[in-house]
Protein backbone atom coordinates (compact mmCIF):
# COMPACT_ATOMS: atom_id res chain seq x y z
CA MET A 1 -77.82 -79.01 71.86
CA PRO A 2 -80.37 -81.72 70.95
CA TRP A 3 -81.70 -79.94 67.86
CA HIS A 4 -83.79 -82.95 66.85
CA ARG A 5 -85.94 -82.46 69.96
CA LEU A 6 -87.15 -79.02 68.88
CA ARG A 7 -90.81 -78.85 67.94
CA ARG A 8 -93.05 -76.10 66.59
CA PRO A 9 -93.74 -74.42 70.00
CA GLN A 10 -90.00 -74.07 70.68
CA VAL A 11 -89.31 -72.74 67.16
CA LEU A 12 -92.10 -70.17 67.56
CA ALA A 13 -90.58 -69.09 70.89
CA ILE A 14 -87.17 -68.72 69.23
CA ARG A 15 -88.72 -66.68 66.42
CA SER A 16 -90.35 -64.38 68.99
CA LEU A 17 -87.03 -63.82 70.77
CA LEU A 18 -85.27 -63.11 67.48
CA GLU A 19 -87.96 -60.60 66.49
CA GLU A 20 -87.52 -58.82 69.83
CA ASN A 21 -83.74 -58.62 69.83
CA TYR A 22 -82.50 -58.46 66.23
CA LEU A 23 -83.03 -56.56 63.01
CA PRO A 24 -85.34 -58.37 60.56
CA ALA A 25 -82.57 -59.39 58.16
CA THR A 26 -80.44 -60.84 60.97
CA ALA A 27 -83.39 -62.60 62.57
CA ASN A 28 -84.36 -64.21 59.27
CA ARG A 29 -80.79 -65.38 58.63
CA MET A 30 -80.86 -67.10 62.02
CA LEU A 31 -84.23 -68.67 61.28
CA SER A 32 -82.88 -69.91 57.96
CA ALA A 33 -79.93 -71.52 59.76
CA LEU A 34 -82.32 -73.14 62.24
CA ARG A 35 -84.42 -74.56 59.39
CA GLY A 36 -81.25 -75.99 57.87
CA VAL A 37 -80.29 -77.76 61.10
CA LEU A 38 -83.80 -79.20 61.44
CA LYS A 39 -83.67 -80.36 57.83
CA GLU A 40 -80.46 -82.28 58.52
CA SER A 41 -82.07 -83.76 61.64
CA SER A 42 -84.95 -84.97 59.48
CA HIS A 43 -82.63 -86.42 56.83
CA SER A 44 -80.69 -88.33 59.49
CA GLY A 45 -83.90 -89.90 60.81
CA GLN A 46 -83.76 -88.15 64.18
CA LEU A 47 -86.78 -85.95 63.43
CA GLY A 48 -89.97 -87.24 61.87
CA MET A 49 -91.18 -85.73 58.61
CA GLU A 50 -94.41 -84.37 60.09
CA GLU A 51 -92.64 -82.85 63.11
CA TYR A 52 -90.09 -81.31 60.74
CA ARG A 53 -92.75 -79.85 58.45
CA LEU A 54 -94.62 -78.22 61.35
CA ALA A 55 -91.43 -76.92 63.00
CA VAL A 56 -90.08 -75.11 59.93
CA ASP A 57 -93.45 -73.73 58.80
CA VAL A 58 -93.09 -70.40 60.64
CA GLU A 59 -93.50 -66.91 59.20
CA PRO A 60 -90.36 -64.85 58.58
CA VAL A 61 -89.83 -61.73 60.66
CA ARG A 62 -91.42 -58.80 58.83
CA GLY A 63 -90.00 -55.33 58.44
CA GLU A 64 -87.08 -53.57 56.81
CA SER A 65 -83.82 -52.55 58.39
CA GLU A 66 -82.37 -49.08 58.10
CA PRO A 67 -79.83 -49.01 55.24
CA ARG A 68 -76.29 -49.42 56.51
CA GLY A 69 -73.39 -47.27 55.43
CA ARG A 70 -73.62 -44.09 53.41
CA ASP A 71 -72.91 -42.62 49.98
CA PRO A 72 -69.86 -40.35 50.06
CA SER A 73 -70.47 -37.33 47.86
CA ALA A 74 -68.33 -36.33 44.90
CA ALA A 75 -66.74 -33.62 47.08
CA GLU A 76 -65.90 -36.18 49.77
CA LEU A 77 -64.34 -38.53 47.21
CA ARG A 78 -62.24 -35.64 45.92
CA GLY A 79 -61.25 -34.82 49.50
CA LEU A 80 -60.08 -38.39 50.12
CA LEU A 81 -57.77 -38.31 47.11
CA GLU A 82 -56.55 -34.80 47.89
CA ALA A 83 -55.65 -36.04 51.38
CA CYS A 84 -53.44 -38.66 49.73
CA ALA A 85 -51.79 -36.04 47.50
CA ARG A 86 -50.93 -33.55 50.25
CA ALA A 87 -47.42 -33.80 51.58
CA PRO A 88 -47.36 -34.09 55.39
CA LYS A 89 -45.62 -31.63 57.66
CA GLU A 90 -41.90 -32.21 57.98
CA SER A 91 -42.31 -33.73 61.45
CA ASN A 92 -44.75 -36.35 60.09
CA HIS A 93 -43.01 -37.01 56.79
CA ARG A 94 -41.58 -40.36 57.87
CA GLN A 95 -44.96 -41.58 59.11
CA ASP A 96 -46.68 -40.87 55.78
CA SER A 97 -44.26 -41.56 52.96
CA VAL A 98 -44.89 -40.82 49.29
CA ALA A 99 -45.15 -44.58 48.67
CA ARG A 100 -47.96 -44.95 51.22
CA ARG A 101 -49.84 -41.96 49.87
CA ARG A 102 -49.58 -43.19 46.28
CA ARG A 103 -50.70 -46.66 47.28
CA ASP A 104 -53.66 -45.30 49.25
CA ALA A 105 -54.70 -43.02 46.37
CA ALA A 106 -54.54 -45.95 43.94
CA PHE A 107 -56.46 -48.22 46.30
CA LEU A 108 -59.24 -45.70 46.97
CA SER A 109 -59.44 -44.83 43.27
CA LEU A 110 -59.83 -48.48 42.35
CA LEU A 111 -62.48 -49.13 45.01
CA TYR A 112 -64.66 -46.35 43.62
CA ALA A 113 -63.84 -46.88 39.93
CA SER A 114 -64.54 -50.63 39.99
CA GLY A 115 -67.04 -51.16 42.81
CA LEU A 116 -65.00 -54.10 44.08
CA ARG A 117 -65.68 -55.60 47.47
CA ARG A 118 -62.92 -55.11 50.01
CA ALA A 119 -61.90 -58.79 49.90
CA GLU A 120 -61.82 -58.73 46.10
CA ALA A 121 -59.62 -55.64 46.01
CA VAL A 122 -56.99 -56.89 48.47
CA ALA A 123 -56.84 -60.26 46.65
CA LEU A 124 -55.84 -58.69 43.31
CA GLU A 125 -52.50 -59.67 41.83
CA LEU A 126 -50.39 -57.49 39.57
CA GLY A 127 -51.13 -59.87 36.68
CA ASP A 128 -54.87 -59.26 37.11
CA LEU A 129 -54.51 -55.69 35.79
CA ASP A 130 -54.02 -54.77 32.15
CA GLN A 131 -52.55 -51.28 32.44
CA ILE A 132 -53.14 -50.47 28.78
CA SER A 133 -56.80 -51.47 28.40
CA GLY A 134 -57.82 -50.89 32.02
CA GLN A 135 -59.26 -54.40 32.31
CA LEU A 136 -59.26 -56.14 35.67
CA ARG A 137 -59.71 -59.84 36.23
CA VAL A 138 -61.44 -60.56 39.54
CA ARG A 139 -60.55 -64.17 40.21
CA ARG A 140 -61.83 -64.37 43.77
CA GLY A 141 -65.32 -62.95 43.52
CA LYS A 142 -68.01 -63.65 46.06
CA GLY A 143 -69.43 -67.14 45.67
CA ARG A 144 -66.27 -68.14 43.77
CA LYS A 145 -67.57 -66.38 40.67
CA PRO A 146 -64.79 -64.72 38.65
CA ARG A 147 -65.71 -61.73 36.51
CA PRO A 148 -64.02 -59.12 34.30
CA VAL A 149 -64.12 -55.48 35.36
CA SER A 150 -63.50 -52.47 33.11
CA LEU A 151 -61.86 -49.47 34.75
CA PRO A 152 -62.50 -45.94 33.47
CA ALA A 153 -59.49 -44.16 32.00
CA SER A 154 -59.52 -41.71 34.92
CA ALA A 155 -58.59 -44.53 37.32
CA LEU A 156 -55.38 -45.49 35.52
CA PRO A 157 -53.06 -42.55 36.42
CA SER A 158 -53.26 -43.28 40.16
CA LEU A 159 -52.52 -46.97 39.56
CA GLN A 160 -49.59 -46.15 37.28
CA ASP A 161 -48.14 -43.74 39.86
CA TRP A 162 -48.33 -46.45 42.54
CA LEU A 163 -46.79 -49.08 40.26
CA GLU A 164 -43.79 -46.80 39.66
CA PHE A 165 -42.97 -47.38 43.32
CA ARG A 166 -44.14 -50.98 43.54
CA GLY A 167 -42.35 -52.18 40.43
CA SER A 168 -43.19 -55.05 38.10
CA GLU A 169 -42.47 -57.87 40.53
CA PRO A 170 -45.22 -60.55 40.55
CA GLY A 171 -47.41 -60.59 43.63
CA PRO A 172 -50.22 -58.59 45.19
CA LEU A 173 -51.28 -55.47 43.33
CA PHE A 174 -51.47 -53.54 46.62
CA SER A 175 -48.66 -54.42 48.98
CA ALA A 176 -48.15 -53.42 52.58
CA VAL A 177 -45.83 -50.42 53.00
CA LEU A 178 -43.77 -49.51 56.06
CA LYS A 179 -43.86 -45.96 57.40
CA ASN A 180 -40.46 -45.28 55.81
CA GLY A 181 -41.82 -46.23 52.39
CA ARG A 182 -40.27 -49.69 52.10
CA LEU A 183 -42.43 -52.52 50.79
CA VAL A 184 -43.18 -55.27 53.30
CA ARG A 185 -41.98 -58.78 52.47
CA ASP A 186 -42.63 -62.16 54.03
CA PRO A 187 -39.82 -64.44 55.31
CA GLN A 188 -39.45 -65.88 51.79
CA GLY A 189 -38.88 -62.41 50.36
CA GLN A 190 -42.24 -62.21 48.58
CA LEU A 191 -44.29 -59.03 48.64
CA GLN A 192 -46.90 -59.04 51.38
CA GLY A 193 -50.37 -57.90 50.36
CA LEU A 194 -52.86 -55.73 52.19
CA SER A 195 -55.18 -57.34 54.71
CA GLY A 196 -58.88 -56.57 55.02
CA SER A 197 -58.21 -54.59 58.21
CA ALA A 198 -55.52 -52.57 56.40
CA ALA A 199 -58.11 -51.60 53.78
CA TRP A 200 -60.32 -50.28 56.59
CA ALA A 201 -57.37 -48.39 58.06
CA ILE A 202 -56.66 -46.66 54.74
CA CYS A 203 -60.25 -45.37 54.54
CA GLN A 204 -60.19 -44.25 58.18
CA GLU A 205 -56.83 -42.45 57.97
CA ARG A 206 -57.52 -40.66 54.70
CA GLY A 207 -61.05 -39.77 55.79
CA ARG A 208 -59.76 -38.13 58.98
CA LYS A 209 -57.08 -36.23 57.07
CA ALA A 210 -59.72 -35.05 54.59
CA GLY A 211 -61.85 -33.76 57.46
CA ILE A 212 -64.85 -35.93 56.58
CA GLN A 213 -66.64 -38.83 58.20
CA PRO A 214 -64.34 -41.72 57.24
CA PRO A 215 -66.11 -44.05 54.81
CA ALA A 216 -66.05 -47.82 54.98
CA PRO A 217 -64.57 -49.59 51.93
CA HIS A 218 -68.08 -50.79 51.06
CA ASP A 219 -69.34 -47.19 51.02
CA LEU A 220 -67.26 -46.58 47.89
CA ARG A 221 -68.87 -49.63 46.27
CA ARG A 222 -72.28 -48.30 47.30
CA THR A 223 -71.54 -44.88 45.75
CA TRP A 224 -70.21 -46.49 42.55
CA THR A 225 -73.40 -48.53 42.17
CA GLY A 226 -75.66 -45.56 42.83
CA ASP A 227 -73.70 -43.32 40.46
CA LEU A 228 -73.99 -45.88 37.63
CA LEU A 229 -77.76 -46.15 38.11
CA GLU A 230 -78.15 -42.37 38.25
CA ALA A 231 -76.11 -42.14 35.03
CA GLY A 232 -78.76 -44.27 33.31
CA VAL A 233 -77.04 -47.67 33.25
CA ASP A 234 -79.76 -50.32 33.42
CA LEU A 235 -80.18 -52.40 36.56
CA ALA A 236 -79.31 -55.73 34.93
CA THR A 237 -75.98 -54.39 33.61
CA VAL A 238 -75.03 -52.92 37.00
CA GLN A 239 -75.92 -56.26 38.60
CA LYS A 240 -73.41 -58.05 36.37
CA MET A 241 -70.74 -55.40 36.90
CA ALA A 242 -71.16 -55.58 40.68
CA GLY A 243 -71.16 -59.37 40.77
CA HIS A 244 -74.53 -59.54 42.54
CA ALA A 245 -76.34 -62.86 42.45
CA SER A 246 -79.73 -61.14 42.34
CA VAL A 247 -80.97 -57.92 40.76
CA SER A 248 -82.88 -57.24 43.99
CA THR A 249 -79.54 -56.89 45.79
CA THR A 250 -78.45 -54.26 43.27
CA GLY A 251 -81.77 -52.49 43.76
CA ARG A 252 -80.91 -51.78 47.40
CA TYR A 253 -78.20 -49.40 46.22
CA ASP A 254 -80.58 -47.47 43.94
CA ARG A 255 -80.95 -43.97 45.36
CA ARG A 256 -82.90 -42.46 42.45
CA ASP A 257 -86.21 -42.55 44.34
CA ARG A 258 -84.63 -40.70 47.24
CA THR A 259 -83.23 -38.06 44.88
CA VAL A 260 -86.67 -37.52 43.34
CA GLN A 261 -88.25 -37.31 46.80
CA ARG A 262 -85.71 -34.70 47.96
CA LYS A 263 -86.42 -32.58 44.88
CA ALA A 264 -90.15 -32.95 45.44
CA SER A 265 -89.93 -31.94 49.11
CA ALA A 266 -87.89 -28.87 48.16
CA SER A 267 -90.92 -27.57 46.25
CA VAL A 268 -92.84 -27.13 49.53
CA HIS A 269 -92.48 -23.67 51.07
CA VAL A 270 -92.97 -23.01 54.80
CA PRO A 271 -94.10 -19.38 55.33
CA TYR A 272 -92.25 -18.90 58.63
CA PHE A 273 -91.90 -15.50 60.33
CA MET A 274 -89.59 -14.97 63.28
CA PRO A 275 -91.51 -13.84 66.37
CA MET A 276 -90.91 -10.21 67.26
CA ASP A 277 -89.30 -9.25 70.60
């Protein structure tokens, strides 16, 4: 693709196609990438400065996308953990061992109690957790920004129960577990950690067993953020705890306005009477 031959009319046509076919956030990310390519073309001398200036001077796509994901309720969170605690029927006992259920309970508890991203959670090592103080060290945060995370005391019992099975061997905090309850090891004999897809599978399986719409791992982070804000924690503090680069990102998780609006709408009474036969 001869990117250096693009001029303002072509960029405007691309913008129009993006606006037609993509959500605003996606369209603007693509436009940003296009501007970056044109900038490199200008720096390499293939595109004149004036042509570059005119080509990139296009308006972003306006509008807001519908929020993705959802906020599992307190009852749904309880249901997820109860699904991990319930012993399966005898015929399914080998497919859902105690080790798997303890690991899943610990993993789900940590996702909600810490607000970690899925990739951050599966990258945790045993040495990153202080079981006494409840301090976590996130070494592989987004943007390569490490940060400390404090876990509430209520999150520690599930982790301690899982670690009784896992043991104190160095390696991933959450290891893969076979259906028979054995820990998975690589050819060198080292514990094998969870993958990102395995984290999804845990949420899906436990959600189905709880009889709720299975949440995504990020939904637990979304609920954690919203719960902190509703509890009165200030936006700047939640931003640091979540590892967001911008406070505006944290603000997207703020559901307090929606809560107020629901309460306000409940004050309206519709005087409906069922039609008589």
